[in-house]
Structures are given as structure tokens and as C-alpha cells.
Amino acid sequence: MQLIDVTNSYSRMIQHELVKSPVHFIKVYTLGNSKVVYKKKHAFSEIVISNKIRRITPKEIEFVKTKLLKDRADAATVTTQGNLVEINLEN
């Protein structure tokens, strides 16, 4: 598995989000045909994994947590809703 940074492809969406919300950091990645959006706010971090075709596997969730949250991955809470997964971590 490989996370590929595609943030530049979403520059307008990111610029709009940065202006309208308290988020100060946004990165967009692809993981196969899944899209991973990583946002940092002052009090917490949020990762959303979505796939229009299929459910997100537990292996993909663990991979994203390990790659993006590193040593804090175990403290994150995971919410799964069909083809959408939210990972939240309080800083």
C-alpha cells in the first residue's frame, strides 16, 4: 500500500476550507481508489477515508493511522460508516 499526495489537485477546495473553518493544515492522499483527507485543528486531528466503490478494510485503516499519526495511532478513535471512515485524535 502506498499513500500518494494529491493535495495540489484539490487546491481550490483546500483554500476554501482553510478560510471558512478553524483548520490550519489539510493534506489529500489517495490509497488505491480510496481518498484520504487529513486535517489538523488546534485541539485535534481528523482523518477521513472514503471509497465510492467498496468498504474500507481494517488493514487500510491501520495503515493510514500508522503512516499519518505515527506513534499516536493507538490513541485515535475510529468511526466506520459503510464506505466512510473517520479517525479522530485529540492533541
C-alpha atoms as a PDB file:
ATOM      1  CA  MET A   1       0.000   0.000   0.000  1.00  0.00           C
ATOM      2  CA  GLN A   2       1.103   3.499  -0.722  1.00  0.00           C
ATOM      3  CA  LEU A   3      -0.269   6.921   0.182  1.00  0.00           C
ATOM      4  CA  ILE A   4       0.127   9.324  -2.730  1.00  0.00           C
ATOM      5  CA  ASP A   5      -0.084  13.060  -2.002  1.00  0.00           C
ATOM      6  CA  VAL A   6      -2.585  14.693  -4.391  1.00  0.00           C
ATOM      7  CA  THR A   7      -3.099  17.897  -2.409  1.00  0.00           C
ATOM      8  CA  ASN A   8      -2.288  20.133  -5.403  1.00  0.00           C
ATOM      9  CA  SER A   9      -5.226  18.669  -7.328  1.00  0.00           C
ATOM     10  CA  TYR A  10      -7.609  19.955  -4.644  1.00  0.00           C
ATOM     11  CA  SER A  11      -6.106  23.423  -4.143  1.00  0.00           C
ATOM     12  CA  ARG A  12      -9.373  25.373  -4.555  1.00  0.00           C
ATOM     13  CA  MET A  13     -11.274  23.132  -2.157  1.00  0.00           C
ATOM     14  CA  ILE A  14      -8.455  23.348   0.386  1.00  0.00           C
ATOM     15  CA  GLN A  15      -8.134  27.115   0.114  1.00  0.00           C
ATOM     16  CA  HIS A  16     -11.887  27.493   0.654  1.00  0.00           C
ATOM     17  CA  GLU A  17     -11.820  25.127   3.654  1.00  0.00           C
ATOM     18  CA  LEU A  18      -8.879  26.952   5.262  1.00  0.00           C
ATOM     19  CA  VAL A  19     -10.721  30.277   5.020  1.00  0.00           C
ATOM     20  CA  LYS A  20     -14.092  29.006   6.275  1.00  0.00           C
ATOM     21  CA  SER A  21     -13.041  26.736   9.166  1.00  0.00           C
ATOM     22  CA  PRO A  22     -10.600  26.623  12.107  1.00  0.00           C
ATOM     23  CA  VAL A  23      -8.472  24.046  10.247  1.00  0.00           C
ATOM     24  CA  HIS A  24      -4.853  25.129   9.770  1.00  0.00           C
ATOM     25  CA  PHE A  25      -3.485  22.106   7.845  1.00  0.00           C
ATOM     26  CA  ILE A  26      -5.054  19.942   5.104  1.00  0.00           C
ATOM     27  CA  LYS A  27      -3.499  17.172   3.014  1.00  0.00           C
ATOM     28  CA  VAL A  28      -5.265  14.942   0.486  1.00  0.00           C
ATOM     29  CA  TYR A  29      -3.939  11.498  -0.407  1.00  0.00           C
ATOM     30  CA  THR A  30      -5.025   8.550  -2.498  1.00  0.00           C
ATOM     31  CA  LEU A  31      -4.749   4.966  -1.324  1.00  0.00           C
ATOM     32  CA  GLY A  32      -5.684   2.948  -4.384  1.00  0.00           C
ATOM     33  CA  ASN A  33      -9.198   4.116  -5.222  1.00  0.00           C
ATOM     34  CA  SER A  34      -9.749   5.465  -1.696  1.00  0.00           C
ATOM     35  CA  LYS A  35      -9.402   9.152  -0.875  1.00  0.00           C
ATOM     36  CA  VAL A  36      -7.782  10.157   2.416  1.00  0.00           C
ATOM     37  CA  VAL A  37      -8.241  13.695   3.789  1.00  0.00           C
ATOM     38  CA  TYR A  38      -6.058  14.654   6.758  1.00  0.00           C
ATOM     39  CA  LYS A  39      -6.982  17.825   8.676  1.00  0.00           C
ATOM     40  CA  LYS A  40      -5.342  19.350  11.720  1.00  0.00           C
ATOM     41  CA  LYS A  41      -7.043  21.807  14.002  1.00  0.00           C
ATOM     42  CA  HIS A  42      -5.540  23.313  17.123  1.00  0.00           C
ATOM     43  CA  ALA A  43      -7.138  20.822  19.516  1.00  0.00           C
ATOM     44  CA  PHE A  44      -7.303  17.695  17.360  1.00  0.00           C
ATOM     45  CA  SER A  45      -6.522  15.879  14.126  1.00  0.00           C
ATOM     46  CA  GLU A  46      -9.080  14.278  11.817  1.00  0.00           C
ATOM     47  CA  ILE A  47      -8.614  11.766   9.014  1.00  0.00           C
ATOM     48  CA  VAL A  48     -11.451  10.799   6.666  1.00  0.00           C
ATOM     49  CA  ILE A  49     -11.073   7.801   4.359  1.00  0.00           C
ATOM     50  CA  SER A  50     -13.709   7.347   1.657  1.00  0.00           C
ATOM     51  CA  ASN A  51     -14.254   4.973  -1.227  1.00  0.00           C
ATOM     52  CA  LYS A  52     -17.240   5.133  -3.597  1.00  0.00           C
ATOM     53  CA  ILE A  53     -16.858   1.529  -4.768  1.00  0.00           C
ATOM     54  CA  ARG A  54     -16.266  -0.613  -1.667  1.00  0.00           C
ATOM     55  CA  ARG A  55     -15.885  -0.631   2.110  1.00  0.00           C
ATOM     56  CA  ILE A  56     -12.608   0.401   3.705  1.00  0.00           C
ATOM     57  CA  THR A  57     -10.737  -2.613   5.092  1.00  0.00           C
ATOM     58  CA  PRO A  58      -9.298  -2.762   8.640  1.00  0.00           C
ATOM     59  CA  LYS A  59      -5.840  -3.224   7.092  1.00  0.00           C
ATOM     60  CA  GLU A  60      -6.204   0.097   5.219  1.00  0.00           C
ATOM     61  CA  ILE A  61      -7.376   1.861   8.387  1.00  0.00           C
ATOM     62  CA  GLU A  62      -4.354   0.633  10.348  1.00  0.00           C
ATOM     63  CA  PHE A  63      -2.000   1.555   7.501  1.00  0.00           C
ATOM     64  CA  VAL A  64      -3.321   5.141   7.338  1.00  0.00           C
ATOM     65  CA  LYS A  65      -3.236   5.534  11.131  1.00  0.00           C
ATOM     66  CA  THR A  66       0.355   4.318  11.284  1.00  0.00           C
ATOM     67  CA  LYS A  67       1.564   6.460   8.367  1.00  0.00           C
ATOM     68  CA  LEU A  68      -0.126   9.718   9.361  1.00  0.00           C
ATOM     69  CA  LEU A  69      -0.364   9.584  13.154  1.00  0.00           C
ATOM     70  CA  LYS A  70       2.836   7.596  13.761  1.00  0.00           C
ATOM     71  CA  ASP A  71       3.358   6.890  17.490  1.00  0.00           C
ATOM     72  CA  ARG A  72      -0.002   8.437  18.464  1.00  0.00           C
ATOM     73  CA  ALA A  73      -2.005   6.000  16.298  1.00  0.00           C
ATOM     74  CA  ASP A  74      -3.153   3.893  19.269  1.00  0.00           C
ATOM     75  CA  ALA A  75      -4.826   6.888  20.940  1.00  0.00           C
ATOM     76  CA  ALA A  76      -7.072   7.607  17.938  1.00  0.00           C
ATOM     77  CA  THR A  77     -10.780   6.770  17.826  1.00  0.00           C
ATOM     78  CA  VAL A  78     -12.175   5.178  14.663  1.00  0.00           C
ATOM     79  CA  THR A  79     -15.761   5.501  13.431  1.00  0.00           C
ATOM     80  CA  THR A  80     -16.849   3.401  10.459  1.00  0.00           C
ATOM     81  CA  GLN A  81     -19.988   4.132   8.429  1.00  0.00           C
ATOM     82  CA  GLY A  82     -20.160   2.000   5.298  1.00  0.00           C
ATOM     83  CA  ASN A  83     -17.716   3.366   2.727  1.00  0.00           C
ATOM     84  CA  LEU A  84     -16.568   6.159   5.055  1.00  0.00           C
ATOM     85  CA  VAL A  85     -14.154   6.002   7.997  1.00  0.00           C
ATOM     86  CA  GLU A  86     -13.381   8.838  10.414  1.00  0.00           C
ATOM     87  CA  ILE A  87     -10.287   8.761  12.600  1.00  0.00           C
ATOM     88  CA  ASN A  88     -10.057  11.405  15.338  1.00  0.00           C
ATOM     89  CA  LEU A  89      -7.206  12.202  17.687  1.00  0.00           C
ATOM     90  CA  GLU A  90      -7.115  14.835  20.395  1.00  0.00           C
ATOM     91  CA  ASN A  91      -3.718  16.549  20.598  1.00  0.00           C
END
